[in-house]
Amino acid sequence: MADKKTRSRASNKKSASSKRQPKKAAAKPSWTKRLLSLGLKCSLVGIAAVVILGIYLDGKIQDRFSSGQIWQLPGVVYGRVINLSPGSDVSLLQLRQQLDALNYQKVRTPKRPGEYSASQTRLEIIRRPFDFEDGPASARHAMLSFGDNQVNQITEVSTNQSLGLLRIEPKLLGMMESGINEQRLFLPRERFPEFLVEALLTTEDRDFYHHEGVSPTGILRALVANIRAGRTVQGGSTLTQQLAKNLFLTRDRTLWRKAQEAYMALILDFRYSKDKLLEAYLNEVYLGQNRGEPVHGFPLGARLYFGRPISELRVDQLALLVGMVKGPSYYNPFRHPERAKTRRDLVLRLMLEQNRLTSADYDAAASRPLDIQNTPNAIASTAGLL
């Protein structure tokens, strides 16, 4: 009995002793687990931020592209249409003066729209295509006979049939104010010369139809070229990136702007066709200034430097415009003709290497002078004209 009481006391002492002992603290997570947890949280926050930014940029892009009107185009102001018919009181000299004012080119034998030839009594012309008030009219090859200071006869050259009326497009006088300080003449993709498009892609973005808005190979190629040259001689931006920058961003040289540019290029490439993006670029690219106002797009650039529609430019003239994309001020042919010619010839040489030009065509084009207008003049502002 005594033994049982002794064992009971001992057991109670152990129980009381165990209750008095403090419990061991829970093991703290290791630094590795903490860092992993923090990294996971930061990643989730970063992904959320990227998604939110993408939604914002996508909305910004769609607001402009999906409306069907990327730019607020100014109204174009034209002079009067020249209507010619047998018996019109227009002399051959007067018509020549009007054609010269329209920048028609006098040649020995007209072969393209915008050209004419003249003798003492006859004038042969290939009238440019034009959207007249009653609808678009294609180019027309006609022969006009004159006598007694009037038009005697008009004949269609291809059919030798007499024409009762020949309309010649009016002179482009200017543009109405659009609320935006820039000038532009819009053309659809199919109306751009193919040589211009090929030269642009060859010079600026050879992988345009193969990348998804951003080209890692293009960036690497530019990096290697710049390292070899010891200076920046080539950019890694695609045409889509350049379009995103020109339409939506500033020209600030910051990492944040470049990041947005790349992101928007990916969105643009995902949402729209390559031809749609190329059309936008061809009409958006900055090519200098006309009387203090920015000139955008190759169609207006052609008139600024050559005074002619882009469809009438030779390959050397088209190559000059493409060469100016890299730096319209640095390669301005009026201020820096030698730089502009060197850049033009580089574009021509690249086209030769890509078998887009024959050796004979290259030699003929590279041997030509710049052949620009005497003074830069595209379209003067017509505020207050009407």
Protein backbone atom coordinates (compact mmCIF):
# COMPACT_ATOMS: atom_id res chain seq x y z
CA MET A 1 0.00 0.00 0.00
CA ALA A 2 2.86 2.31 0.93
CA ASP A 3 4.55 1.49 -2.36
CA LYS A 4 1.46 2.54 -4.29
CA LYS A 5 1.30 5.87 -2.46
CA THR A 6 4.98 6.45 -3.13
CA ARG A 7 4.56 5.71 -6.84
CA SER A 8 1.51 8.01 -6.97
CA ARG A 9 3.42 10.90 -5.41
CA ALA A 10 6.29 10.40 -7.82
CA SER A 11 3.91 10.37 -10.75
CA ASN A 12 2.21 13.57 -9.60
CA LYS A 13 5.59 15.27 -9.20
CA LYS A 14 6.57 14.31 -12.77
CA SER A 15 3.23 15.57 -14.07
CA ALA A 16 3.60 18.85 -12.23
CA SER A 17 7.19 19.14 -13.40
CA SER A 18 6.19 18.55 -17.02
CA LYS A 19 3.48 21.22 -16.78
CA ARG A 20 5.97 23.73 -15.45
CA GLN A 21 8.38 23.19 -18.43
CA PRO A 22 7.90 25.82 -21.21
CA LYS A 23 6.74 24.64 -24.64
CA LYS A 24 9.27 24.73 -27.51
CA ALA A 25 8.72 27.62 -29.98
CA ALA A 26 7.52 26.73 -33.54
CA ALA A 27 10.35 26.51 -36.07
CA LYS A 28 10.80 29.73 -38.13
CA PRO A 29 10.71 29.43 -41.97
CA SER A 30 14.13 29.54 -43.59
CA TRP A 31 15.39 32.55 -45.56
CA THR A 32 15.04 30.54 -48.75
CA LYS A 33 11.33 30.00 -48.18
CA ARG A 34 10.86 33.66 -47.29
CA LEU A 35 12.59 34.78 -50.47
CA LEU A 36 10.56 32.35 -52.56
CA SER A 37 7.34 33.60 -51.00
CA LEU A 38 8.32 37.21 -51.58
CA GLY A 39 9.35 36.46 -55.14
CA LEU A 40 6.04 34.74 -55.84
CA LYS A 41 4.08 37.70 -54.48
CA CYS A 42 6.15 40.18 -56.48
CA SER A 43 5.70 38.07 -59.62
CA LEU A 44 1.94 38.03 -59.19
CA VAL A 45 1.91 41.79 -58.70
CA GLY A 46 4.14 42.24 -61.77
CA ILE A 47 1.95 39.97 -63.92
CA ALA A 48 -1.14 41.88 -62.80
CA ALA A 49 0.55 45.19 -63.65
CA VAL A 50 1.57 43.92 -67.10
CA VAL A 51 -1.96 42.68 -67.80
CA ILE A 52 -3.50 45.98 -66.69
CA LEU A 53 -1.01 47.93 -68.81
CA GLY A 54 -1.80 45.68 -71.79
CA ILE A 55 -5.53 46.29 -71.40
CA TYR A 56 -4.91 50.05 -71.25
CA LEU A 57 -2.62 50.08 -74.29
CA ASP A 58 -4.93 47.79 -76.25
CA GLY A 59 -7.84 50.14 -75.60
CA LYS A 60 -5.75 53.10 -76.69
CA ILE A 61 -4.79 51.34 -79.93
CA GLN A 62 -8.32 50.20 -80.74
CA ASP A 63 -9.75 53.66 -80.16
CA ARG A 64 -7.61 54.89 -83.04
CA PHE A 65 -7.37 51.90 -85.40
CA SER A 66 -10.83 50.38 -85.14
CA SER A 67 -12.65 53.65 -85.83
CA GLY A 68 -11.68 53.40 -89.49
CA GLN A 69 -9.94 56.79 -89.34
CA ILE A 70 -6.44 56.69 -87.88
CA TRP A 71 -5.80 60.36 -88.62
CA GLN A 72 -7.88 63.50 -88.68
CA LEU A 73 -7.21 64.28 -92.32
CA PRO A 74 -7.38 67.90 -93.48
CA GLY A 75 -9.61 68.92 -96.35
CA VAL A 76 -7.70 69.27 -99.62
CA VAL A 77 -8.21 72.44 -101.69
CA TYR A 78 -7.90 72.23 -105.49
CA GLY A 79 -8.04 74.79 -108.26
CA ARG A 80 -10.31 74.46 -111.28
CA VAL A 81 -10.48 71.43 -113.56
CA ILE A 82 -9.15 72.07 -117.07
CA ASN A 83 -11.90 71.03 -119.53
CA LEU A 84 -10.74 70.70 -123.11
CA SER A 85 -12.94 70.01 -126.12
CA PRO A 86 -12.78 70.78 -129.85
CA GLY A 87 -13.32 74.52 -130.20
CA SER A 88 -11.98 75.45 -126.72
CA ASP A 89 -10.24 78.83 -126.77
CA VAL A 90 -6.94 77.53 -125.48
CA SER A 91 -3.70 77.85 -127.41
CA LEU A 92 -0.97 75.23 -127.37
CA LEU A 93 1.30 77.62 -125.49
CA GLN A 94 -1.35 78.30 -122.84
CA LEU A 95 -1.92 74.58 -122.30
CA ARG A 96 1.82 73.95 -122.00
CA GLN A 97 2.03 76.65 -119.34
CA GLN A 98 -0.81 75.05 -117.40
CA LEU A 99 0.79 71.61 -117.65
CA ASP A 100 4.10 73.00 -116.41
CA ALA A 101 2.26 74.54 -113.46
CA LEU A 102 0.85 71.06 -112.73
CA ASN A 103 4.42 69.66 -112.81
CA TYR A 104 3.86 67.61 -115.95
CA GLN A 105 7.22 66.61 -117.41
CA LYS A 106 8.04 67.46 -121.00
CA VAL A 107 9.64 64.46 -122.73
CA ARG A 108 10.34 63.28 -126.25
CA THR A 109 7.71 60.53 -126.12
CA PRO A 110 5.19 60.27 -123.25
CA LYS A 111 5.20 56.83 -121.62
CA ARG A 112 3.83 57.44 -118.13
CA PRO A 113 1.10 59.55 -116.55
CA GLY A 114 2.31 63.10 -115.90
CA GLU A 115 4.31 63.37 -119.17
CA TYR A 116 3.70 65.27 -122.39
CA SER A 117 5.43 66.19 -125.65
CA ALA A 118 4.71 69.12 -127.95
CA SER A 119 5.39 70.26 -131.51
CA GLN A 120 4.27 73.39 -133.33
CA THR A 121 0.64 72.33 -133.70
CA ARG A 122 0.16 69.19 -131.60
CA LEU A 123 0.48 68.13 -128.00
CA GLU A 124 0.57 64.52 -126.79
CA ILE A 125 -0.24 63.90 -123.13
CA ILE A 126 -0.84 61.06 -120.68
CA ARG A 127 -3.31 62.59 -118.26
CA ARG A 128 -2.88 61.53 -114.63
CA PRO A 129 -5.60 59.49 -112.93
CA PHE A 130 -7.76 61.65 -110.69
CA ASP A 131 -10.87 61.49 -108.53
CA PHE A 132 -13.12 64.04 -110.20
CA GLU A 133 -16.40 65.18 -108.65
CA ASP A 134 -18.40 62.61 -110.63
CA GLY A 135 -16.04 59.75 -109.83
CA PRO A 136 -12.50 58.47 -110.36
CA ALA A 137 -10.97 58.59 -113.84
CA SER A 138 -8.01 56.51 -114.96
CA ALA A 139 -4.98 57.80 -116.84
CA ARG A 140 -5.71 58.81 -120.44
CA HIS A 141 -3.33 59.01 -123.42
CA ALA A 142 -4.49 61.68 -125.84
CA MET A 143 -3.30 63.74 -128.81
CA LEU A 144 -4.50 67.34 -129.19
CA SER A 145 -4.29 69.35 -132.44
CA PHE A 146 -4.30 73.18 -132.34
CA GLY A 147 -4.97 75.94 -134.82
CA ASP A 148 -6.02 79.61 -134.62
CA ASN A 149 -5.35 79.62 -130.84
CA GLN A 150 -7.90 76.94 -130.13
CA VAL A 151 -8.24 73.18 -129.85
CA ASN A 152 -9.17 71.63 -133.21
CA GLN A 153 -9.28 67.94 -132.38
CA ILE A 154 -8.69 65.51 -129.48
CA THR A 155 -7.87 61.87 -130.25
CA GLU A 156 -7.48 58.82 -128.00
CA VAL A 157 -4.03 57.49 -128.93
CA SER A 158 -4.71 53.81 -128.23
CA THR A 159 -7.92 53.65 -130.33
CA ASN A 160 -7.45 56.64 -132.64
CA GLN A 161 -11.02 57.69 -131.82
CA SER A 162 -12.05 61.31 -131.45
CA LEU A 163 -12.89 62.59 -127.95
CA GLY A 164 -15.49 65.22 -127.22
CA LEU A 165 -13.94 66.11 -123.85
CA LEU A 166 -10.62 65.72 -122.08
CA ARG A 167 -10.42 66.74 -118.43
CA ILE A 168 -7.08 67.50 -116.80
CA GLU A 169 -6.83 67.39 -113.04
CA PRO A 170 -6.75 70.67 -111.07
CA LYS A 171 -3.75 72.05 -109.24
CA LEU A 172 -3.39 71.14 -105.58
CA LEU A 173 -3.57 74.50 -103.81
CA GLY A 174 -3.50 73.64 -100.14
CA MET A 175 -5.17 72.06 -97.15
CA MET A 176 -7.85 73.29 -94.80
CA GLU A 177 -6.95 73.39 -91.12
CA SER A 178 -7.70 70.06 -89.37
CA GLY A 179 -6.98 71.10 -85.78
CA ILE A 180 -3.75 69.11 -85.85
CA ASN A 181 -0.43 70.71 -86.72
CA GLU A 182 0.60 68.29 -89.44
CA GLN A 183 0.05 67.67 -93.15
CA ARG A 184 -0.73 64.39 -94.88
CA LEU A 185 -2.13 63.02 -98.15
CA PHE A 186 -3.54 59.54 -97.56
CA LEU A 187 -3.09 56.73 -100.10
CA PRO A 188 -4.24 53.10 -99.76
CA ARG A 189 -1.55 50.42 -99.73
CA GLU A 190 -2.18 49.24 -103.31
CA ARG A 191 -1.44 52.68 -104.78
CA PHE A 192 2.13 52.84 -103.49
CA PRO A 193 4.91 51.90 -105.94
CA GLU A 194 6.15 48.39 -105.20
CA PHE A 195 9.76 49.51 -105.50
CA LEU A 196 9.19 51.97 -102.66
CA VAL A 197 7.68 49.27 -100.42
CA GLU A 198 10.45 46.77 -101.21
CA ALA A 199 13.16 49.38 -100.63
CA LEU A 200 11.61 50.37 -97.30
CA LEU A 201 11.42 46.76 -96.07
CA THR A 202 14.93 45.96 -97.33
CA THR A 203 16.40 49.00 -95.61
CA GLU A 204 14.36 49.24 -92.42
CA ASP A 205 12.80 45.85 -91.58
CA ARG A 206 13.58 42.80 -93.70
CA ASP A 207 11.72 40.45 -91.34
CA PHE A 208 8.54 42.56 -91.28
CA TYR A 209 6.30 39.79 -92.62
CA HIS A 210 7.85 37.16 -90.34
CA HIS A 211 8.20 38.67 -86.85
CA GLU A 212 5.40 39.40 -84.39
CA GLY A 213 5.97 43.11 -83.98
CA VAL A 214 9.36 42.86 -82.27
CA SER A 215 12.37 41.22 -83.92
CA PRO A 216 15.05 39.73 -81.61
CA THR A 217 17.22 38.95 -84.64
CA GLY A 218 16.92 42.55 -85.81
CA ILE A 219 17.99 43.82 -82.39
CA LEU A 220 20.97 41.45 -82.37
CA ARG A 221 21.92 42.43 -85.92
CA ALA A 222 21.80 46.12 -85.00
CA LEU A 223 23.83 45.50 -81.83
CA VAL A 224 26.59 43.74 -83.78
CA ALA A 225 26.65 46.47 -86.44
CA ASN A 226 26.86 49.22 -83.82
CA ILE A 227 29.65 47.45 -81.92
CA ARG A 228 31.66 47.01 -85.10
CA ALA A 229 31.18 50.65 -86.08
CA GLY A 230 31.85 51.95 -82.56
CA ARG A 231 28.74 54.14 -82.80
CA THR A 232 25.02 53.87 -83.49
CA VAL A 233 24.68 53.16 -87.20
CA GLN A 234 21.64 50.88 -87.16
CA GLY A 235 18.49 50.65 -85.08
CA GLY A 236 16.79 47.48 -83.91
CA SER A 237 13.24 48.82 -83.97
CA THR A 238 10.81 47.20 -86.40
CA LEU A 239 8.45 49.20 -88.59
CA THR A 240 5.68 48.22 -86.17
CA GLN A 241 7.63 49.65 -83.24
CA GLN A 242 8.31 52.84 -85.18
CA LEU A 243 4.60 53.09 -86.01
CA ALA A 244 3.65 52.66 -82.34
CA LYS A 245 6.11 55.36 -81.34
CA ASN A 246 4.96 57.80 -84.02
CA LEU A 247 1.26 57.34 -83.36
CA PHE A 248 1.09 57.00 -79.59
CA LEU A 249 4.34 57.87 -77.82
CA THR A 250 6.87 60.63 -77.43
CA ARG A 251 10.41 60.61 -78.80
CA ASP A 252 11.97 60.46 -75.32
CA ARG A 253 14.90 58.05 -75.19
CA THR A 254 13.90 56.20 -72.01
CA LEU A 255 13.57 52.53 -71.11
CA TRP A 256 9.94 53.09 -70.15
CA ARG A 257 9.11 54.50 -73.57
CA LYS A 258 10.94 51.62 -75.30
CA ALA A 259 9.06 49.10 -73.16
CA GLN A 260 5.70 50.64 -74.09
CA GLU A 261 6.77 50.78 -77.73
CA ALA A 262 7.60 47.06 -77.78
CA TYR A 263 4.40 46.13 -75.94
CA MET A 264 2.24 48.18 -78.31
CA ALA A 265 4.03 46.66 -81.31
CA LEU A 266 3.10 43.17 -80.08
CA ILE A 267 -0.53 44.25 -79.64
CA LEU A 268 -0.66 45.91 -83.06
CA ASP A 269 0.79 42.85 -84.76
CA PHE A 270 -1.70 40.58 -82.96
CA ARG A 271 -4.78 42.66 -83.78
CA TYR A 272 -4.13 43.88 -87.34
CA SER A 273 -2.83 42.49 -90.61
CA LYS A 274 0.66 43.21 -91.86
CA ASP A 275 -0.70 45.10 -94.86
CA LYS A 276 -2.86 47.29 -92.60
CA LEU A 277 0.16 48.17 -90.46
CA LEU A 278 2.33 48.77 -93.52
CA GLU A 279 -0.31 51.07 -95.02
CA ALA A 280 -0.42 53.04 -91.77
CA TYR A 281 3.37 53.34 -91.69
CA LEU A 282 3.61 54.49 -95.32
CA ASN A 283 1.16 57.30 -94.55
CA GLU A 284 2.53 58.17 -91.10
CA VAL A 285 6.33 58.26 -91.48
CA TYR A 286 7.82 61.69 -90.77
CA LEU A 287 9.74 63.17 -93.72
CA GLY A 288 10.53 66.76 -92.77
CA GLN A 289 8.74 70.08 -92.55
CA ASN A 290 6.88 72.28 -94.99
CA ARG A 291 6.91 75.93 -93.86
CA GLY A 292 7.17 74.94 -90.24
CA GLU A 293 4.54 72.19 -90.32
CA PRO A 294 5.45 68.47 -90.07
CA VAL A 295 5.05 66.48 -93.28
CA HIS A 296 3.91 62.89 -92.79
CA GLY A 297 3.71 60.06 -95.28
CA PHE A 298 5.46 59.28 -98.55
CA PRO A 299 2.68 60.77 -100.77
CA LEU A 300 3.16 64.26 -99.34
CA GLY A 301 6.92 63.76 -99.06
CA ALA A 302 7.03 63.16 -102.83
CA ARG A 303 5.36 66.52 -103.42
CA LEU A 304 7.58 68.28 -100.89
CA TYR A 305 10.87 67.25 -102.49
CA PHE A 306 9.91 66.55 -106.12
CA GLY A 307 6.63 68.40 -106.68
CA ARG A 308 5.04 65.31 -108.21
CA PRO A 309 2.72 62.45 -107.19
CA ILE A 310 4.59 59.50 -105.77
CA SER A 311 3.35 57.25 -108.59
CA GLU A 312 5.46 59.27 -111.05
CA LEU A 313 8.80 59.15 -109.25
CA ARG A 314 11.78 57.25 -110.63
CA VAL A 315 13.54 54.55 -108.60
CA ASP A 316 16.35 56.94 -107.61
CA GLN A 317 13.80 59.46 -106.30
CA LEU A 318 11.95 56.75 -104.38
CA ALA A 319 15.26 55.56 -102.93
CA LEU A 320 15.98 59.10 -101.70
CA LEU A 321 12.67 59.21 -99.81
CA VAL A 322 13.32 55.80 -98.25
CA GLY A 323 16.81 56.87 -97.24
CA MET A 324 15.43 59.91 -95.46
CA VAL A 325 13.38 57.75 -93.07
CA LYS A 326 16.48 57.26 -90.92
CA GLY A 327 16.82 61.02 -90.36
CA PRO A 328 14.86 63.60 -92.38
CA SER A 329 16.88 66.50 -90.98
CA TYR A 330 20.28 64.84 -91.26
CA TYR A 331 19.61 63.64 -94.82
CA ASN A 332 17.67 66.71 -95.96
CA PRO A 333 18.58 67.00 -99.68
CA PHE A 334 18.15 70.79 -99.70
CA ARG A 335 20.57 71.35 -96.80
CA HIS A 336 22.85 68.33 -97.08
CA PRO A 337 22.81 67.13 -100.71
CA GLU A 338 25.99 65.05 -100.41
CA ARG A 339 24.69 63.17 -97.36
CA ALA A 340 21.35 62.63 -99.07
CA LYS A 341 22.98 61.28 -102.25
CA THR A 342 25.23 58.93 -100.27
CA ARG A 343 22.23 57.59 -98.37
CA ARG A 344 20.18 57.28 -101.58
CA ASP A 345 22.95 55.31 -103.27
CA LEU A 346 23.17 52.99 -100.24
CA VAL A 347 19.46 52.17 -100.61
CA LEU A 348 19.98 51.53 -104.32
CA ARG A 349 22.95 49.26 -103.57
CA LEU A 350 20.89 47.26 -101.07
CA MET A 351 18.22 46.80 -103.74
CA LEU A 352 20.91 45.65 -106.18
CA GLU A 353 22.16 43.09 -103.63
CA GLN A 354 18.59 41.84 -103.17
CA ASN A 355 18.23 41.46 -106.97
CA ARG A 356 15.52 44.12 -107.05
CA LEU A 357 17.64 46.14 -109.49
CA THR A 358 19.83 45.07 -112.39
CA SER A 359 23.39 46.36 -112.61
CA ALA A 360 22.41 48.59 -115.51
CA ASP A 361 19.42 50.02 -113.63
CA TYR A 362 21.58 50.61 -110.56
CA ASP A 363 24.27 52.41 -112.54
CA ALA A 364 21.68 54.61 -114.27
CA ALA A 365 19.91 55.48 -111.02
CA ALA A 366 23.08 56.11 -108.99
CA SER A 367 24.51 58.37 -111.69
CA ARG A 368 21.54 60.73 -111.60
CA PRO A 369 21.59 64.00 -109.65
CA LEU A 370 19.11 64.40 -106.80
CA ASP A 371 16.73 66.16 -109.20
CA ILE A 372 14.69 67.79 -106.43
CA GLN A 373 12.62 70.97 -106.65
CA ASN A 374 14.38 74.30 -106.44
CA THR A 375 12.72 74.98 -103.08
CA PRO A 376 10.84 72.64 -100.73
CA ASN A 377 7.12 73.15 -101.22
CA ALA A 378 4.38 70.60 -100.72
CA ILE A 379 1.16 72.32 -99.77
CA ALA A 380 0.93 75.72 -98.16
CA SER A 381 -1.45 76.27 -95.28
CA THR A 382 -4.70 77.80 -96.50
CA ALA A 383 -6.07 79.16 -93.24
CA GLY A 384 -8.25 82.12 -94.20
CA LEU A 385 -8.03 81.33 -97.92
CA LEU A 386 -11.70 80.50 -98.36
